[in-house]
Amino acid sequence: MKYKFLMPIVPLIIPEKIKLQIEGSLENFHNPDKLRKYIPFKFPKNGAEVMLNHLSRYQGKSEEKKVHSFVVNSKGAFTKVGVWSKRLSPKALDKGANEMQYYVLARYFEPASLVGDILLVHEPIPLLKKKRKAWIYSSAQRRVRRAPDASHDATGRGSQGLITADQIDGFNGDLDRFDWKLRGKKLSCSV
């Protein structure tokens, strides 16, 4: 089996000092020749900067996946939940650099009760401290609603409370929900 990497393999540190502004716009965020190949905080001073390194890392221009989850109830029976999703950076959409880190479109194709349900997420650049925008279309109700809770420990549709948004990338949402601290080389958070 051959693997093809579509992004350059680069060092994980910034060779020259680049000063980042926590508030405001980051014009180089979507420029693959500059900032996006590197982590924002070369030497993080606190837990929040470590988490910003994780959330702001380069993830490529797009990702498409088809995932199945198997939710098992107390009697041993399971429900198969199928989701197709696509994540695109604004650069892949030819929108140029803006305040969005990526867009996600997810469509449920299993079980029958969720077929046709769609989730749309506009994820801002984490360093800008803007709020995520999310919408969900319910094919049963035939309407679109805002999904303000599509983050952190919000449960996935059809998961019976067993799958949360945080499971997708280890952490999913705003940093202000926790107090992040560095303790030696370990990261800890408290509610």
Protein backbone atom coordinates (compact mmCIF):
# COMPACT_ATOMS: atom_id res chain seq x y z
CA MET A 1 0.00 0.00 0.00
CA LYS A 2 1.37 3.42 -0.95
CA TYR A 3 0.64 6.61 0.93
CA LYS A 4 0.67 10.05 -0.59
CA PHE A 5 1.01 13.09 1.65
CA LEU A 6 -0.67 16.16 0.22
CA MET A 7 0.86 18.59 2.69
CA PRO A 8 4.55 19.31 3.16
CA ILE A 9 6.26 17.73 6.15
CA VAL A 10 7.65 20.66 8.12
CA PRO A 11 9.25 21.37 11.49
CA LEU A 12 6.86 21.99 14.36
CA ILE A 13 8.54 25.18 15.52
CA ILE A 14 8.79 28.64 14.02
CA PRO A 15 12.38 29.28 12.86
CA GLU A 16 12.13 33.03 13.31
CA LYS A 17 10.19 34.83 15.98
CA ILE A 18 6.65 35.63 14.84
CA LYS A 19 4.56 37.76 17.15
CA LEU A 20 0.91 36.74 17.28
CA GLN A 21 -1.92 38.93 18.38
CA ILE A 22 -4.56 37.13 20.44
CA GLU A 23 -7.20 39.70 19.54
CA GLY A 24 -7.74 40.85 15.97
CA SER A 25 -7.06 39.38 12.56
CA LEU A 26 -4.31 36.95 11.56
CA GLU A 27 -3.53 37.63 7.93
CA ASN A 28 -1.09 34.72 7.62
CA PHE A 29 -3.37 32.10 9.19
CA HIS A 30 -4.36 30.51 5.87
CA ASN A 31 -1.04 31.14 4.13
CA PRO A 32 0.60 27.70 3.82
CA ASP A 33 4.00 29.28 3.11
CA LYS A 34 4.06 31.11 6.41
CA LEU A 35 2.29 30.64 9.71
CA ARG A 36 0.07 27.62 9.02
CA LYS A 37 3.00 25.22 8.77
CA TYR A 38 3.90 25.96 12.34
CA ILE A 39 2.40 26.12 15.79
CA PRO A 40 1.43 29.61 17.05
CA PHE A 41 3.21 29.43 20.42
CA LYS A 42 6.73 28.02 20.16
CA PHE A 43 7.19 28.09 23.93
CA PRO A 44 3.73 28.11 25.53
CA LYS A 45 3.56 29.93 28.86
CA ASN A 46 0.23 28.54 30.02
CA GLY A 47 -2.24 25.76 29.37
CA ALA A 48 -4.44 27.92 27.15
CA GLU A 49 -1.53 28.49 24.74
CA VAL A 50 -0.90 24.72 24.58
CA MET A 51 -4.56 24.17 23.70
CA LEU A 52 -4.43 26.99 21.12
CA ASN A 53 -1.45 25.19 19.53
CA HIS A 54 -3.59 22.05 19.28
CA LEU A 55 -6.68 23.84 17.93
CA SER A 56 -4.73 26.08 15.51
CA ARG A 57 -2.49 23.42 14.01
CA TYR A 58 -2.38 22.97 10.27
CA GLN A 59 -4.95 20.36 9.23
CA GLY A 60 -4.67 20.56 5.46
CA LYS A 61 -7.08 22.16 3.02
CA SER A 62 -9.79 19.54 3.29
CA GLU A 63 -10.77 16.23 4.80
CA GLU A 64 -13.60 13.92 3.83
CA LYS A 65 -14.62 10.87 5.84
CA LYS A 66 -17.39 8.35 6.27
CA VAL A 67 -17.71 7.08 9.85
CA HIS A 68 -19.82 4.44 11.57
CA SER A 69 -20.48 4.37 15.31
CA PHE A 70 -22.08 1.41 17.01
CA VAL A 71 -24.14 2.37 20.06
CA VAL A 72 -24.72 -0.68 22.28
CA ASN A 73 -27.61 -0.63 24.76
CA SER A 74 -27.82 -2.47 28.10
CA LYS A 75 -29.38 -5.55 26.45
CA GLY A 76 -26.49 -5.93 24.02
CA ALA A 77 -28.39 -4.76 20.93
CA PHE A 78 -26.71 -2.05 18.89
CA THR A 79 -27.68 0.85 16.67
CA LYS A 80 -25.44 1.68 13.73
CA VAL A 81 -25.03 5.44 13.19
CA GLY A 82 -23.42 6.51 9.90
CA VAL A 83 -22.12 10.01 9.19
CA TRP A 84 -20.40 11.41 6.11
CA SER A 85 -18.52 14.64 6.76
CA LYS A 86 -16.34 17.07 4.86
CA ARG A 87 -14.13 19.75 6.39
CA LEU A 88 -12.87 22.54 4.13
CA SER A 89 -10.58 25.47 4.81
CA PRO A 90 -11.59 28.83 3.30
CA LYS A 91 -8.53 28.52 1.04
CA ALA A 92 -9.97 25.32 -0.50
CA LEU A 93 -13.15 27.26 -1.27
CA ASP A 94 -11.14 30.10 -2.87
CA LYS A 95 -12.47 32.51 -0.27
CA GLY A 96 -8.97 33.59 0.72
CA ALA A 97 -7.84 34.24 4.26
CA ASN A 98 -10.59 35.38 6.56
CA GLU A 99 -11.68 34.81 10.14
CA MET A 100 -12.82 31.21 9.56
CA GLN A 101 -10.52 28.27 10.25
CA TYR A 102 -12.73 25.77 8.47
CA TYR A 103 -16.26 24.78 7.47
CA VAL A 104 -17.78 21.36 8.22
CA LEU A 105 -20.74 19.70 6.55
CA ALA A 106 -21.94 16.40 8.05
CA ARG A 107 -24.77 14.25 6.68
CA TYR A 108 -26.31 11.26 8.46
CA PHE A 109 -26.98 8.20 6.30
CA GLU A 110 -27.84 5.65 9.04
CA PRO A 111 -30.12 4.74 10.88
CA ALA A 112 -33.36 5.42 8.99
CA SER A 113 -34.55 7.84 11.69
CA LEU A 114 -31.57 10.15 11.00
CA VAL A 115 -31.21 9.77 7.22
CA GLY A 116 -31.09 13.22 5.65
CA ASP A 117 -30.19 15.12 8.84
CA ILE A 118 -27.39 17.63 8.18
CA LEU A 119 -25.02 19.58 10.44
CA LEU A 120 -23.23 22.69 9.16
CA VAL A 121 -20.48 24.32 11.23
CA HIS A 122 -18.53 27.54 10.64
CA GLU A 123 -15.46 27.29 12.90
CA PRO A 124 -13.61 30.58 13.52
CA ILE A 125 -9.86 30.81 14.04
CA PRO A 126 -9.37 29.91 17.73
CA LEU A 127 -6.97 32.80 18.36
CA LEU A 128 -9.69 35.33 17.50
CA LYS A 129 -11.98 34.21 20.32
CA LYS A 130 -15.07 34.38 18.10
CA LYS A 131 -18.04 32.07 18.58
CA ARG A 132 -18.68 29.00 16.46
CA LYS A 133 -21.79 29.06 14.29
CA ALA A 134 -23.63 25.80 13.75
CA TRP A 135 -26.95 24.77 12.20
CA ILE A 136 -28.76 21.47 12.02
CA TYR A 137 -31.35 20.42 9.45
CA SER A 138 -33.81 17.81 10.66
CA SER A 139 -35.34 15.88 7.76
CA ALA A 140 -38.18 14.71 10.03
CA GLN A 141 -39.13 18.29 10.95
CA ARG A 142 -38.07 19.77 7.59
CA ARG A 143 -36.51 22.80 9.20
CA VAL A 144 -33.12 24.33 9.95
CA ARG A 145 -32.27 25.34 13.51
CA ARG A 146 -29.24 26.93 15.12
CA ALA A 147 -27.19 24.41 17.09
CA PRO A 148 -25.48 26.56 19.74
CA ASP A 149 -24.49 23.54 21.82
CA ALA A 150 -22.55 21.66 19.11
CA SER A 151 -19.35 21.56 21.17
CA HIS A 152 -17.67 20.17 24.30
CA ASP A 153 -19.82 17.46 25.90
CA ALA A 154 -22.85 17.90 23.64
CA THR A 155 -23.99 14.44 22.59
CA GLY A 156 -24.11 13.30 18.99
CA ARG A 157 -27.40 12.56 17.30
CA GLY A 158 -28.45 8.94 17.62
CA SER A 159 -25.69 8.17 20.14
CA GLN A 160 -27.93 7.76 23.21
CA GLY A 161 -25.58 10.09 25.08
CA LEU A 162 -22.49 7.93 24.49
CA ILE A 163 -20.67 10.09 21.91
CA THR A 164 -19.71 13.71 22.56
CA ALA A 165 -18.31 16.49 20.37
CA ASP A 166 -15.02 16.40 22.31
CA GLN A 167 -14.34 12.87 21.07
CA ILE A 168 -13.82 14.10 17.52
CA ASP A 169 -10.52 15.89 18.13
CA GLY A 170 -9.82 15.46 21.83
CA PHE A 171 -11.29 18.88 22.55
CA ASN A 172 -14.01 20.71 20.66
CA GLY A 173 -15.23 24.16 21.69
CA ASP A 174 -14.26 27.43 23.34
CA LEU A 175 -11.35 27.51 25.77
CA ASP A 176 -13.17 29.76 28.25
CA ARG A 177 -15.15 26.86 29.67
CA PHE A 178 -12.13 25.64 31.66
CA ASP A 179 -9.14 27.09 33.52
CA TRP A 180 -6.10 25.66 31.71
CA LYS A 181 -2.83 25.31 33.62
CA LEU A 182 0.58 23.89 32.82
CA ARG A 183 1.97 21.72 35.58
CA GLY A 184 5.49 20.74 34.64
CA LYS A 185 5.12 19.13 31.25
CA LYS A 186 1.56 18.00 31.87
CA LEU A 187 -1.57 19.87 30.86
CA SER A 188 -4.49 19.89 33.24
CA CYS A 189 -7.87 21.55 33.22
CA SER A 190 -10.40 22.23 35.92
CA VAL A 191 -14.05 23.17 35.73
